[in-house]
């Protein structure tokens, strides 16, 4: 199973991804900003939160965003269990999404990007692309500032996958949205455009030996 951190491209394309939602505070504000700027992204959903905030998930789909699996509940106990437990955990989340009638997910992103042999084995058996990132800001822990965004802009590569979080601490929410808007505008000024991840693109990263 290939691990996807970037989707190299001859074109100036970026992929914004948002983890840990949806949530009643933060997700709608992020969606509104993306809509105003005509940006489509990918949201890696926690299944239990998706079930509790179905309206927000419907809005994501209606507004052209794609979805990924970010686990059933974002808990870590399963990482200390066997491959079959890991596989069941991923599948349970998929069952929640399917029951909601959602489009196929682009792949699985483990909480905090934790990778273990069991994660690889489960993803391989389920034929789920494992999707991480090559650019992150730790914005769920510390405020995402313009200075951090500027440093990242200097390191952009075509096909970069950017990790962000639509679920922010209340005191950081306003600054997060301001910095996201700045990052979008400055990326475009450098010639980049934004596209969501797609299942077609991520599935192409699966090794032919797994067919």
N, C-alpha and C. Protein backbone atom coordinates (compact mmCIF):
# COMPACT_ATOMS: atom_id res chain seq x y z
N UNK A 1 0.84 -1.19 0.00
CA UNK A 1 0.00 0.00 0.00
C UNK A 1 0.88 1.24 0.00
N UNK A 2 0.67 2.07 -0.97
CA UNK A 2 1.45 3.30 -1.06
C UNK A 2 0.97 4.31 -0.02
N UNK A 3 1.90 5.06 0.51
CA UNK A 3 1.60 6.14 1.43
C UNK A 3 1.68 7.44 0.65
N UNK A 4 0.61 8.20 0.65
CA UNK A 4 0.53 9.42 -0.14
C UNK A 4 0.79 10.63 0.75
N UNK A 5 1.84 11.36 0.44
CA UNK A 5 2.12 12.62 1.13
C UNK A 5 1.96 13.81 0.19
N UNK A 6 2.07 13.56 -1.08
CA UNK A 6 1.93 14.60 -2.10
C UNK A 6 1.53 13.93 -3.39
N UNK A 7 0.85 14.65 -4.26
CA UNK A 7 0.50 14.13 -5.57
C UNK A 7 1.25 14.96 -6.60
N UNK A 8 2.50 14.60 -6.91
CA UNK A 8 3.31 15.40 -7.83
C UNK A 8 2.56 15.70 -9.12
N UNK A 9 2.68 16.92 -9.58
CA UNK A 9 1.94 17.37 -10.76
C UNK A 9 2.79 18.32 -11.57
N UNK A 10 2.65 18.29 -12.90
CA UNK A 10 3.34 19.29 -13.73
C UNK A 10 2.68 20.66 -13.64
N UNK A 11 1.50 20.70 -13.02
CA UNK A 11 0.75 21.95 -12.90
C UNK A 11 0.83 22.48 -11.46
N UNK A 12 0.59 23.77 -11.31
CA UNK A 12 0.64 24.40 -9.99
C UNK A 12 -0.68 24.17 -9.26
N UNK A 13 -0.77 23.01 -8.64
CA UNK A 13 -1.98 22.58 -7.95
C UNK A 13 -1.67 22.35 -6.47
N UNK A 14 -2.59 22.78 -5.61
CA UNK A 14 -2.49 22.50 -4.18
C UNK A 14 -3.76 21.81 -3.71
N UNK A 15 -3.61 20.98 -2.68
CA UNK A 15 -4.75 20.26 -2.11
C UNK A 15 -4.88 20.63 -0.64
N UNK A 16 -5.89 21.42 -0.30
CA UNK A 16 -6.17 21.72 1.09
C UNK A 16 -6.96 20.57 1.70
N UNK A 17 -6.55 20.13 2.89
CA UNK A 17 -7.28 19.08 3.60
C UNK A 17 -7.52 19.53 5.03
N UNK A 18 -8.69 19.17 5.56
CA UNK A 18 -9.09 19.58 6.90
C UNK A 18 -9.46 18.35 7.71
N UNK A 19 -8.87 18.23 8.90
CA UNK A 19 -9.08 17.07 9.77
C UNK A 19 -9.94 17.41 10.99
N UNK A 20 -10.46 16.33 11.59
CA UNK A 20 -11.04 16.31 12.94
C UNK A 20 -12.48 16.76 13.04
N UNK A 21 -13.10 17.20 11.96
CA UNK A 21 -14.48 17.63 12.01
C UNK A 21 -15.43 16.52 11.57
N UNK A 22 -16.69 16.92 11.38
CA UNK A 22 -17.21 18.29 11.50
C UNK A 22 -17.57 18.64 12.94
N UNK A 23 -17.68 19.94 13.18
CA UNK A 23 -18.06 20.43 14.51
C UNK A 23 -18.97 21.63 14.35
N UNK A 24 -19.79 21.86 15.37
CA UNK A 24 -20.76 22.95 15.30
C UNK A 24 -20.08 24.31 15.25
N UNK A 25 -18.87 24.41 15.78
CA UNK A 25 -18.13 25.66 15.69
C UNK A 25 -16.85 25.43 14.89
N UNK A 26 -16.71 26.16 13.82
CA UNK A 26 -15.49 26.07 13.02
C UNK A 26 -15.72 25.54 11.63
N UNK A 27 -16.47 24.47 11.50
CA UNK A 27 -16.64 23.86 10.18
C UNK A 27 -17.43 24.76 9.25
N UNK A 28 -18.56 25.28 9.74
CA UNK A 28 -19.38 26.13 8.87
C UNK A 28 -18.62 27.39 8.47
N UNK A 29 -17.89 27.96 9.39
CA UNK A 29 -17.12 29.17 9.08
C UNK A 29 -16.05 28.88 8.03
N UNK A 30 -15.42 27.72 8.13
CA UNK A 30 -14.42 27.33 7.14
C UNK A 30 -15.06 27.12 5.78
N UNK A 31 -16.20 26.45 5.76
CA UNK A 31 -16.91 26.23 4.49
C UNK A 31 -17.31 27.56 3.86
N UNK A 32 -17.78 28.49 4.66
CA UNK A 32 -18.19 29.79 4.12
C UNK A 32 -17.00 30.50 3.47
N UNK A 33 -15.85 30.46 4.12
CA UNK A 33 -14.67 31.12 3.56
C UNK A 33 -14.25 30.45 2.25
N UNK A 34 -14.23 29.14 2.23
CA UNK A 34 -13.86 28.42 1.01
C UNK A 34 -14.83 28.75 -0.12
N UNK A 35 -16.11 28.83 0.19
CA UNK A 35 -17.10 29.13 -0.84
C UNK A 35 -16.89 30.53 -1.40
N UNK A 36 -16.63 31.49 -0.52
CA UNK A 36 -16.41 32.86 -0.98
C UNK A 36 -15.24 32.95 -1.95
N UNK A 37 -14.24 32.12 -1.74
CA UNK A 37 -13.04 32.16 -2.58
C UNK A 37 -13.05 31.11 -3.69
N UNK A 38 -14.13 30.39 -3.81
CA UNK A 38 -14.23 29.40 -4.88
C UNK A 38 -13.22 28.27 -4.74
N UNK A 39 -12.92 27.87 -3.52
CA UNK A 39 -11.94 26.82 -3.26
C UNK A 39 -12.67 25.54 -2.85
N UNK A 40 -12.30 24.45 -3.49
CA UNK A 40 -12.80 23.13 -3.08
C UNK A 40 -11.67 22.37 -2.41
N UNK A 41 -11.99 21.69 -1.33
CA UNK A 41 -10.98 21.03 -0.50
C UNK A 41 -11.44 19.60 -0.19
N UNK A 42 -10.71 18.95 0.70
CA UNK A 42 -11.06 17.61 1.16
C UNK A 42 -11.14 17.62 2.68
N UNK A 43 -12.24 17.08 3.19
CA UNK A 43 -12.45 17.01 4.63
C UNK A 43 -12.34 15.56 5.09
N UNK A 44 -11.38 15.31 5.98
CA UNK A 44 -11.22 13.98 6.58
C UNK A 44 -12.07 13.95 7.85
N UNK A 45 -13.14 13.17 7.80
CA UNK A 45 -14.18 13.21 8.81
C UNK A 45 -14.00 12.13 9.88
N UNK A 46 -14.30 12.51 11.11
CA UNK A 46 -14.46 11.55 12.20
C UNK A 46 -15.91 11.08 12.14
N UNK A 47 -16.13 9.78 11.98
CA UNK A 47 -17.47 9.27 11.68
C UNK A 47 -18.50 9.63 12.74
N UNK A 48 -18.14 9.50 14.01
CA UNK A 48 -19.11 9.82 15.06
C UNK A 48 -19.51 11.29 15.01
N UNK A 49 -18.57 12.17 14.69
CA UNK A 49 -18.90 13.59 14.56
C UNK A 49 -19.75 13.84 13.31
N UNK A 50 -19.46 13.12 12.25
CA UNK A 50 -20.24 13.27 11.02
C UNK A 50 -21.70 12.91 11.26
N UNK A 51 -21.91 11.84 12.01
CA UNK A 51 -23.27 11.39 12.31
C UNK A 51 -24.01 12.45 13.12
N UNK A 52 -23.30 13.16 13.98
CA UNK A 52 -23.92 14.17 14.83
C UNK A 52 -24.11 15.51 14.12
N UNK A 53 -23.42 15.70 13.00
CA UNK A 53 -23.46 16.99 12.28
C UNK A 53 -23.72 16.74 10.80
N UNK A 54 -24.78 15.98 10.53
CA UNK A 54 -25.03 15.55 9.15
C UNK A 54 -25.25 16.73 8.21
N UNK A 55 -25.88 17.79 8.70
CA UNK A 55 -26.12 18.95 7.85
C UNK A 55 -24.84 19.56 7.32
N UNK A 56 -23.81 19.61 8.15
CA UNK A 56 -22.53 20.16 7.72
C UNK A 56 -21.88 19.26 6.68
N UNK A 57 -22.01 17.95 6.85
CA UNK A 57 -21.42 17.02 5.88
C UNK A 57 -22.14 17.16 4.54
N UNK A 58 -23.47 17.30 4.58
CA UNK A 58 -24.22 17.50 3.33
C UNK A 58 -23.76 18.78 2.64
N UNK A 59 -23.49 19.81 3.42
CA UNK A 59 -23.02 21.07 2.84
C UNK A 59 -21.68 20.88 2.16
N UNK A 60 -20.79 20.10 2.77
CA UNK A 60 -19.49 19.82 2.14
C UNK A 60 -19.67 19.22 0.76
N UNK A 61 -20.51 18.21 0.69
CA UNK A 61 -20.74 17.53 -0.59
C UNK A 61 -21.40 18.47 -1.58
N UNK A 62 -22.43 19.18 -1.13
CA UNK A 62 -23.16 20.09 -2.03
C UNK A 62 -22.26 21.19 -2.56
N UNK A 63 -21.26 21.60 -1.80
CA UNK A 63 -20.38 22.69 -2.20
C UNK A 63 -19.13 22.21 -2.94
N UNK A 64 -19.11 20.92 -3.28
CA UNK A 64 -18.05 20.42 -4.17
C UNK A 64 -16.81 19.89 -3.50
N UNK A 65 -16.84 19.73 -2.19
CA UNK A 65 -15.69 19.19 -1.48
C UNK A 65 -15.73 17.66 -1.51
N UNK A 66 -14.58 17.04 -1.33
CA UNK A 66 -14.53 15.59 -1.22
C UNK A 66 -14.26 15.19 0.22
N UNK A 67 -14.47 13.91 0.50
CA UNK A 67 -14.42 13.43 1.88
C UNK A 67 -13.40 12.31 2.04
N UNK A 68 -12.80 12.26 3.24
CA UNK A 68 -11.91 11.17 3.59
C UNK A 68 -12.29 10.60 4.94
N UNK A 69 -11.79 9.42 5.23
CA UNK A 69 -12.04 8.72 6.49
C UNK A 69 -10.94 9.07 7.48
N UNK A 70 -11.33 9.67 8.61
CA UNK A 70 -10.36 10.02 9.65
C UNK A 70 -10.64 9.23 10.93
N UNK A 71 -11.22 8.06 10.75
CA UNK A 71 -11.49 7.08 11.81
C UNK A 71 -12.91 7.21 12.34
N UNK A 72 -13.27 6.23 13.13
CA UNK A 72 -14.60 6.20 13.75
C UNK A 72 -14.73 7.25 14.84
N UNK A 73 -13.72 7.36 15.71
CA UNK A 73 -13.87 8.19 16.90
C UNK A 73 -12.61 8.95 17.32
N UNK A 74 -11.53 8.85 16.54
CA UNK A 74 -10.29 9.57 16.82
C UNK A 74 -9.68 9.19 18.17
N UNK A 75 -9.91 7.95 18.59
CA UNK A 75 -9.29 7.46 19.83
C UNK A 75 -8.08 6.61 19.47
N UNK A 76 -7.21 6.41 20.46
CA UNK A 76 -5.92 5.80 20.16
C UNK A 76 -5.75 4.37 20.66
N UNK A 77 -6.73 3.87 21.41
CA UNK A 77 -6.60 2.53 21.96
C UNK A 77 -6.42 1.45 20.90
N UNK A 78 -7.05 1.64 19.75
CA UNK A 78 -6.99 0.62 18.70
C UNK A 78 -5.57 0.45 18.17
N UNK A 79 -4.73 1.44 18.31
CA UNK A 79 -3.35 1.32 17.83
C UNK A 79 -2.55 0.29 18.62
N UNK A 80 -3.06 -0.09 19.79
CA UNK A 80 -2.37 -1.08 20.62
C UNK A 80 -2.98 -2.47 20.47
N UNK A 81 -3.90 -2.61 19.53
CA UNK A 81 -4.55 -3.89 19.30
C UNK A 81 -4.06 -4.46 17.97
N UNK A 82 -4.70 -5.54 17.52
CA UNK A 82 -4.23 -6.25 16.34
C UNK A 82 -4.72 -5.65 15.03
N UNK A 83 -4.24 -6.23 13.95
CA UNK A 83 -4.60 -5.76 12.61
C UNK A 83 -6.10 -5.85 12.36
N UNK A 84 -6.72 -6.93 12.81
CA UNK A 84 -8.15 -7.09 12.57
C UNK A 84 -8.97 -6.04 13.31
N UNK A 85 -8.52 -5.65 14.49
CA UNK A 85 -9.20 -4.58 15.22
C UNK A 85 -9.06 -3.25 14.47
N UNK A 86 -7.87 -3.00 13.95
CA UNK A 86 -7.65 -1.79 13.16
C UNK A 86 -8.53 -1.79 11.91
N UNK A 87 -8.58 -2.92 11.26
CA UNK A 87 -9.40 -3.06 10.06
C UNK A 87 -10.88 -2.81 10.38
N UNK A 88 -11.37 -3.39 11.47
CA UNK A 88 -12.76 -3.21 11.86
C UNK A 88 -13.07 -1.75 12.19
N UNK A 89 -12.11 -1.09 12.81
CA UNK A 89 -12.26 0.33 13.18
C UNK A 89 -12.43 1.20 11.94
N UNK A 90 -11.61 0.95 10.94
CA UNK A 90 -11.72 1.70 9.68
C UNK A 90 -13.04 1.37 9.00
N UNK A 91 -13.39 0.10 8.97
CA UNK A 91 -14.62 -0.32 8.30
C UNK A 91 -15.87 0.23 8.99
N UNK A 92 -15.85 0.30 10.32
CA UNK A 92 -16.99 0.85 11.04
C UNK A 92 -17.25 2.29 10.61
N UNK A 93 -16.20 3.06 10.48
CA UNK A 93 -16.36 4.43 10.01
C UNK A 93 -16.95 4.45 8.61
N UNK A 94 -16.46 3.56 7.74
CA UNK A 94 -16.98 3.50 6.37
C UNK A 94 -18.47 3.16 6.38
N UNK A 95 -18.87 2.28 7.28
CA UNK A 95 -20.29 1.91 7.37
C UNK A 95 -21.15 3.09 7.78
N UNK A 96 -20.64 3.92 8.69
CA UNK A 96 -21.36 5.13 9.08
C UNK A 96 -21.53 6.04 7.88
N UNK A 97 -20.46 6.26 7.15
CA UNK A 97 -20.52 7.14 5.98
C UNK A 97 -21.47 6.58 4.92
N UNK A 98 -21.41 5.27 4.70
CA UNK A 98 -22.30 4.66 3.71
C UNK A 98 -23.76 4.79 4.13
N UNK A 99 -24.03 4.60 5.42
CA UNK A 99 -25.40 4.71 5.92
C UNK A 99 -25.94 6.13 5.74
N UNK A 100 -25.04 7.10 5.72
CA UNK A 100 -25.44 8.49 5.50
C UNK A 100 -25.61 8.80 4.02
N UNK A 101 -25.26 7.83 3.17
CA UNK A 101 -25.39 8.03 1.73
C UNK A 101 -24.34 8.94 1.14
N UNK A 102 -23.15 8.96 1.73
CA UNK A 102 -22.09 9.87 1.27
C UNK A 102 -21.33 9.28 0.10
N UNK A 103 -20.71 10.13 -0.71
CA UNK A 103 -19.88 9.64 -1.83
C UNK A 103 -18.69 8.84 -1.30
N UNK A 104 -18.09 8.00 -2.12
CA UNK A 104 -16.92 7.23 -1.69
C UNK A 104 -15.81 8.15 -1.18
N UNK A 105 -15.14 7.71 -0.13
CA UNK A 105 -14.07 8.50 0.46
C UNK A 105 -12.77 8.33 -0.32
N UNK A 106 -11.94 9.35 -0.28
CA UNK A 106 -10.70 9.33 -1.08
C UNK A 106 -9.62 8.46 -0.46
N UNK A 107 -9.78 8.10 0.82
CA UNK A 107 -8.77 7.28 1.49
C UNK A 107 -8.89 7.43 2.99
N UNK A 108 -7.95 6.84 3.69
CA UNK A 108 -7.92 6.85 5.16
C UNK A 108 -6.73 7.65 5.65
N UNK A 109 -6.98 8.53 6.59
CA UNK A 109 -5.92 9.27 7.27
C UNK A 109 -6.01 8.95 8.76
N UNK A 110 -5.03 8.23 9.30
CA UNK A 110 -5.10 7.88 10.72
C UNK A 110 -4.97 9.11 11.60
N UNK A 111 -5.61 9.10 12.76
CA UNK A 111 -5.48 10.23 13.68
C UNK A 111 -4.01 10.56 13.96
N UNK A 112 -3.72 11.86 13.88
CA UNK A 112 -2.35 12.36 14.10
C UNK A 112 -1.34 11.78 13.12
N UNK A 113 -1.83 11.14 12.07
CA UNK A 113 -0.91 10.56 11.09
C UNK A 113 -0.10 9.40 11.64
N UNK A 114 -0.61 8.74 12.68
CA UNK A 114 0.12 7.63 13.29
C UNK A 114 0.18 6.46 12.32
N UNK A 115 1.38 5.99 12.06
CA UNK A 115 1.59 4.87 11.14
C UNK A 115 2.25 3.72 11.89
N UNK A 116 1.63 2.57 11.84
CA UNK A 116 2.18 1.37 12.45
C UNK A 116 2.05 0.24 11.44
N UNK A 117 2.74 -0.87 11.64
CA UNK A 117 2.55 -2.01 10.74
C UNK A 117 1.09 -2.44 10.65
N UNK A 118 0.33 -2.30 11.74
CA UNK A 118 -1.08 -2.68 11.71
C UNK A 118 -1.90 -1.75 10.83
N UNK A 119 -1.56 -0.47 10.85
CA UNK A 119 -2.25 0.48 9.97
C UNK A 119 -2.00 0.12 8.51
N UNK A 120 -0.74 -0.13 8.17
CA UNK A 120 -0.41 -0.49 6.80
C UNK A 120 -1.10 -1.79 6.40
N UNK A 121 -1.10 -2.77 7.29
CA UNK A 121 -1.71 -4.06 6.96
C UNK A 121 -3.22 -3.92 6.76
N UNK A 122 -3.88 -3.17 7.64
CA UNK A 122 -5.32 -2.98 7.51
C UNK A 122 -5.66 -2.23 6.23
N UNK A 123 -4.92 -1.18 5.94
CA UNK A 123 -5.18 -0.42 4.71
C UNK A 123 -4.95 -1.27 3.48
N UNK A 124 -3.92 -2.11 3.52
CA UNK A 124 -3.64 -2.98 2.38
C UNK A 124 -4.79 -3.98 2.17
N UNK A 125 -5.26 -4.59 3.25
CA UNK A 125 -6.34 -5.57 3.13
C UNK A 125 -7.63 -4.91 2.65
N UNK A 126 -7.86 -3.69 3.08
CA UNK A 126 -9.08 -2.96 2.68
C UNK A 126 -8.91 -2.21 1.37
N UNK A 127 -7.68 -2.19 0.85
CA UNK A 127 -7.37 -1.44 -0.37
C UNK A 127 -7.76 0.04 -0.21
N UNK A 128 -7.40 0.59 0.92
CA UNK A 128 -7.66 1.99 1.19
C UNK A 128 -6.37 2.79 1.03
N UNK A 129 -6.35 3.80 0.18
CA UNK A 129 -5.17 4.67 0.13
C UNK A 129 -4.92 5.30 1.50
N UNK A 130 -3.67 5.33 1.91
CA UNK A 130 -3.27 6.02 3.14
C UNK A 130 -2.78 7.41 2.76
N UNK A 131 -3.43 8.42 3.28
CA UNK A 131 -3.15 9.79 2.85
C UNK A 131 -2.67 10.62 4.03
N UNK A 132 -1.45 11.12 3.95
CA UNK A 132 -0.95 12.06 4.95
C UNK A 132 -0.82 13.44 4.31
N UNK A 133 0.33 14.06 4.38
CA UNK A 133 0.51 15.43 3.91
C UNK A 133 2.01 15.69 3.80
N UNK A 134 2.36 16.77 3.11
CA UNK A 134 3.76 17.19 3.11
C UNK A 134 3.92 18.62 3.65
N UNK A 135 2.80 19.20 4.09
CA UNK A 135 2.86 20.55 4.64
C UNK A 135 1.84 20.66 5.77
N UNK A 136 2.32 21.02 6.95
CA UNK A 136 1.42 21.16 8.10
C UNK A 136 1.84 22.34 8.95
N UNK A 137 0.93 22.78 9.82
CA UNK A 137 1.18 23.96 10.66
C UNK A 137 0.93 23.70 12.14
N UNK A 138 0.53 22.50 12.52
CA UNK A 138 0.18 22.19 13.91
C UNK A 138 -0.85 23.19 14.42
N UNK A 139 -1.78 23.55 13.54
CA UNK A 139 -2.74 24.60 13.86
C UNK A 139 -3.78 24.18 14.90
N UNK A 140 -3.90 22.87 15.17
CA UNK A 140 -4.82 22.45 16.23
C UNK A 140 -4.19 22.63 17.62
N UNK A 141 -2.89 22.86 17.65
CA UNK A 141 -2.17 23.04 18.92
C UNK A 141 -1.79 24.49 19.18
N UNK A 142 -1.29 25.16 18.15
CA UNK A 142 -0.82 26.53 18.28
C UNK A 142 -1.45 27.39 17.19
N UNK A 143 -1.62 28.68 17.44
CA UNK A 143 -2.25 29.55 16.45
C UNK A 143 -1.50 29.53 15.12
N UNK A 144 -2.27 29.50 14.04
CA UNK A 144 -1.70 29.58 12.69
C UNK A 144 -1.59 31.06 12.34
N UNK A 145 -0.38 31.54 12.20
CA UNK A 145 -0.15 32.96 11.97
C UNK A 145 0.28 33.22 10.53
N UNK A 146 0.21 34.49 10.16
CA UNK A 146 0.64 34.87 8.81
C UNK A 146 2.12 34.56 8.61
N UNK A 147 2.93 34.73 9.64
CA UNK A 147 4.37 34.44 9.51
C UNK A 147 4.59 32.96 9.18
N UNK A 148 3.85 32.08 9.82
CA UNK A 148 3.97 30.65 9.51
C UNK A 148 3.51 30.37 8.09
N UNK A 149 2.44 31.02 7.68
CA UNK A 149 1.94 30.82 6.31
C UNK A 149 2.97 31.30 5.29
N UNK A 150 3.61 32.43 5.57
CA UNK A 150 4.60 32.96 4.63
C UNK A 150 5.78 32.01 4.48
N UNK A 151 6.23 31.42 5.57
CA UNK A 151 7.34 30.46 5.48
C UNK A 151 6.93 29.25 4.65
N UNK A 152 5.69 28.83 4.79
CA UNK A 152 5.22 27.68 4.02
C UNK A 152 5.09 28.01 2.54
N UNK A 153 4.68 29.21 2.23
CA UNK A 153 4.53 29.61 0.83
C UNK A 153 5.85 29.48 0.08
N UNK A 154 6.94 29.69 0.77
CA UNK A 154 8.25 29.58 0.13
C UNK A 154 8.62 28.13 -0.15
N UNK A 155 7.92 27.19 0.48
CA UNK A 155 8.24 25.77 0.32
C UNK A 155 7.21 25.01 -0.51
N UNK A 156 6.28 25.72 -1.10
CA UNK A 156 5.23 25.04 -1.85
C UNK A 156 5.80 24.26 -3.03
N UNK A 157 5.23 23.09 -3.26
CA UNK A 157 5.55 22.28 -4.43
C UNK A 157 4.25 21.89 -5.12
N UNK A 158 4.26 21.79 -6.44
CA UNK A 158 3.05 21.36 -7.14
C UNK A 158 2.57 20.01 -6.60
N UNK A 159 1.28 19.94 -6.31
CA UNK A 159 0.72 18.71 -5.78
C UNK A 159 0.81 18.58 -4.28
N UNK A 160 1.24 19.64 -3.60
CA UNK A 160 1.35 19.59 -2.14
C UNK A 160 -0.01 19.31 -1.50
N UNK A 161 0.01 18.48 -0.46
CA UNK A 161 -1.17 18.22 0.36
C UNK A 161 -0.97 18.96 1.68
N UNK A 162 -1.87 19.88 1.96
CA UNK A 162 -1.75 20.76 3.12
C UNK A 162 -2.70 20.28 4.22
N UNK A 163 -2.16 20.05 5.40
CA UNK A 163 -2.97 19.63 6.54
C UNK A 163 -3.39 20.84 7.37
N UNK A 164 -4.71 20.96 7.56
CA UNK A 164 -5.28 21.99 8.43
C UNK A 164 -6.41 21.35 9.26
N UNK A 165 -7.01 22.13 10.13
CA UNK A 165 -8.09 21.63 10.99
C UNK A 165 -9.23 22.65 11.01
N UNK A 166 -10.42 22.21 10.61
CA UNK A 166 -11.56 23.11 10.68
C UNK A 166 -12.05 23.27 12.12
N UNK A 167 -11.64 22.36 13.00
CA UNK A 167 -11.98 22.45 14.42
C UNK A 167 -10.83 23.15 15.14
N UNK A 168 -11.08 24.37 15.56
CA UNK A 168 -10.07 25.19 16.22
C UNK A 168 -10.48 25.53 17.65
N UNK A 169 -9.51 25.86 18.47
CA UNK A 169 -9.83 26.39 19.78
C UNK A 169 -10.53 27.73 19.60
N UNK A 170 -11.55 28.02 20.42
CA UNK A 170 -12.33 29.25 20.22
C UNK A 170 -11.47 30.50 20.11
N UNK A 171 -10.43 30.59 20.92
CA UNK A 171 -9.60 31.81 20.92
C UNK A 171 -8.75 31.93 19.65
N UNK A 172 -8.63 30.84 18.90
CA UNK A 172 -7.80 30.85 17.69
C UNK A 172 -8.62 30.92 16.40
N UNK A 173 -9.94 30.81 16.51
CA UNK A 173 -10.78 30.66 15.32
C UNK A 173 -10.65 31.84 14.35
N UNK A 174 -10.76 33.05 14.86
CA UNK A 174 -10.72 34.23 13.99
C UNK A 174 -9.38 34.33 13.27
N UNK A 175 -8.29 34.14 14.00
CA UNK A 175 -6.96 34.21 13.38
C UNK A 175 -6.79 33.10 12.35
N UNK A 176 -7.30 31.91 12.64
CA UNK A 176 -7.20 30.81 11.69
C UNK A 176 -7.85 31.18 10.36
N UNK A 177 -9.05 31.73 10.41
CA UNK A 177 -9.75 32.08 9.17
C UNK A 177 -9.03 33.20 8.43
N UNK A 178 -8.51 34.17 9.15
CA UNK A 178 -7.76 35.25 8.51
C UNK A 178 -6.51 34.71 7.82
N UNK A 179 -5.81 33.79 8.48
CA UNK A 179 -4.59 33.22 7.90
C UNK A 179 -4.92 32.31 6.73
N UNK A 180 -6.01 31.57 6.82
CA UNK A 180 -6.43 30.72 5.70
C UNK A 180 -6.72 31.58 4.47
N UNK A 181 -7.41 32.68 4.67
CA UNK A 181 -7.70 33.58 3.56
C UNK A 181 -6.41 34.13 2.96
N UNK A 182 -5.48 34.51 3.80
CA UNK A 182 -4.19 35.01 3.33
C UNK A 182 -3.45 33.94 2.54
N UNK A 183 -3.44 32.72 3.05
CA UNK A 183 -2.74 31.62 2.39
C UNK A 183 -3.35 31.34 1.01
N UNK A 184 -4.66 31.36 0.92
CA UNK A 184 -5.33 31.15 -0.37
C UNK A 184 -4.95 32.24 -1.35
N UNK A 185 -5.06 33.48 -0.92
CA UNK A 185 -4.78 34.60 -1.83
C UNK A 185 -3.32 34.61 -2.28
N UNK A 186 -2.40 34.38 -1.35
CA UNK A 186 -0.98 34.41 -1.70
C UNK A 186 -0.59 33.21 -2.57
N UNK A 187 -1.19 32.06 -2.34
CA UNK A 187 -0.91 30.90 -3.20
C UNK A 187 -1.36 31.18 -4.62
N UNK A 188 -2.52 31.77 -4.76
CA UNK A 188 -3.02 32.10 -6.10
C UNK A 188 -2.14 33.16 -6.76
N UNK A 189 -1.66 34.09 -5.97
CA UNK A 189 -0.79 35.12 -6.53
C UNK A 189 0.48 34.50 -7.10
N UNK A 190 0.88 33.36 -6.56
CA UNK A 190 2.05 32.63 -7.06
C UNK A 190 1.70 31.68 -8.19
N UNK A 191 0.45 31.70 -8.62
CA UNK A 191 0.05 30.91 -9.78
C UNK A 191 -0.61 29.59 -9.46
N UNK A 192 -0.79 29.28 -8.18
CA UNK A 192 -1.39 28.00 -7.79
C UNK A 192 -2.91 28.06 -7.86
N UNK A 193 -3.50 26.89 -8.10
CA UNK A 193 -4.94 26.73 -7.97
C UNK A 193 -5.20 25.59 -6.99
N UNK A 194 -6.42 25.54 -6.47
CA UNK A 194 -6.77 24.55 -5.46
C UNK A 194 -7.73 23.51 -6.03
N UNK A 195 -7.45 22.26 -5.74
CA UNK A 195 -8.32 21.17 -6.16
C UNK A 195 -8.48 20.20 -4.99
N UNK A 196 -9.66 19.59 -4.88
CA UNK A 196 -9.81 18.56 -3.85
C UNK A 196 -9.11 17.28 -4.27
N UNK A 197 -8.74 16.46 -3.31
CA UNK A 197 -8.26 15.12 -3.64
C UNK A 197 -9.43 14.32 -4.22
N UNK A 198 -9.12 13.40 -5.10
CA UNK A 198 -10.16 12.55 -5.68
C UNK A 198 -9.78 11.10 -5.49
N UNK A 199 -10.79 10.24 -5.46
CA UNK A 199 -10.53 8.81 -5.32
C UNK A 199 -9.76 8.29 -6.51
N UNK A 200 -10.05 8.84 -7.69
CA UNK A 200 -9.32 8.40 -8.89
C UNK A 200 -7.83 8.67 -8.74
N UNK A 201 -7.48 9.85 -8.23
CA UNK A 201 -6.07 10.21 -8.10
C UNK A 201 -5.39 9.40 -7.00
N UNK A 202 -6.06 9.24 -5.86
CA UNK A 202 -5.42 8.53 -4.76
C UNK A 202 -5.34 7.03 -5.04
N UNK A 203 -6.32 6.49 -5.72
CA UNK A 203 -6.29 5.05 -6.03
C UNK A 203 -5.18 4.71 -7.00
N UNK A 204 -4.82 5.67 -7.83
CA UNK A 204 -3.72 5.45 -8.77
C UNK A 204 -2.39 5.24 -8.07
N UNK A 205 -2.33 5.59 -6.78
CA UNK A 205 -1.09 5.45 -6.03
C UNK A 205 -0.92 4.05 -5.44
N UNK A 206 -1.96 3.20 -5.56
CA UNK A 206 -1.86 1.84 -5.06
C UNK A 206 -0.95 1.04 -5.96
N UNK A 207 -0.03 0.32 -5.37
CA UNK A 207 0.96 -0.45 -6.12
C UNK A 207 0.28 -1.48 -7.00
N UNK A 208 0.72 -1.63 -8.27
CA UNK A 208 0.15 -2.65 -9.14
C UNK A 208 0.25 -4.05 -8.55
N UNK A 209 1.25 -4.30 -7.71
CA UNK A 209 1.42 -5.62 -7.12
C UNK A 209 0.28 -5.98 -6.19
N UNK A 210 -0.54 -4.97 -5.82
CA UNK A 210 -1.66 -5.23 -4.94
C UNK A 210 -2.92 -5.55 -5.72
N UNK A 211 -2.88 -5.46 -7.04
CA UNK A 211 -4.06 -5.75 -7.84
C UNK A 211 -4.34 -7.24 -7.86
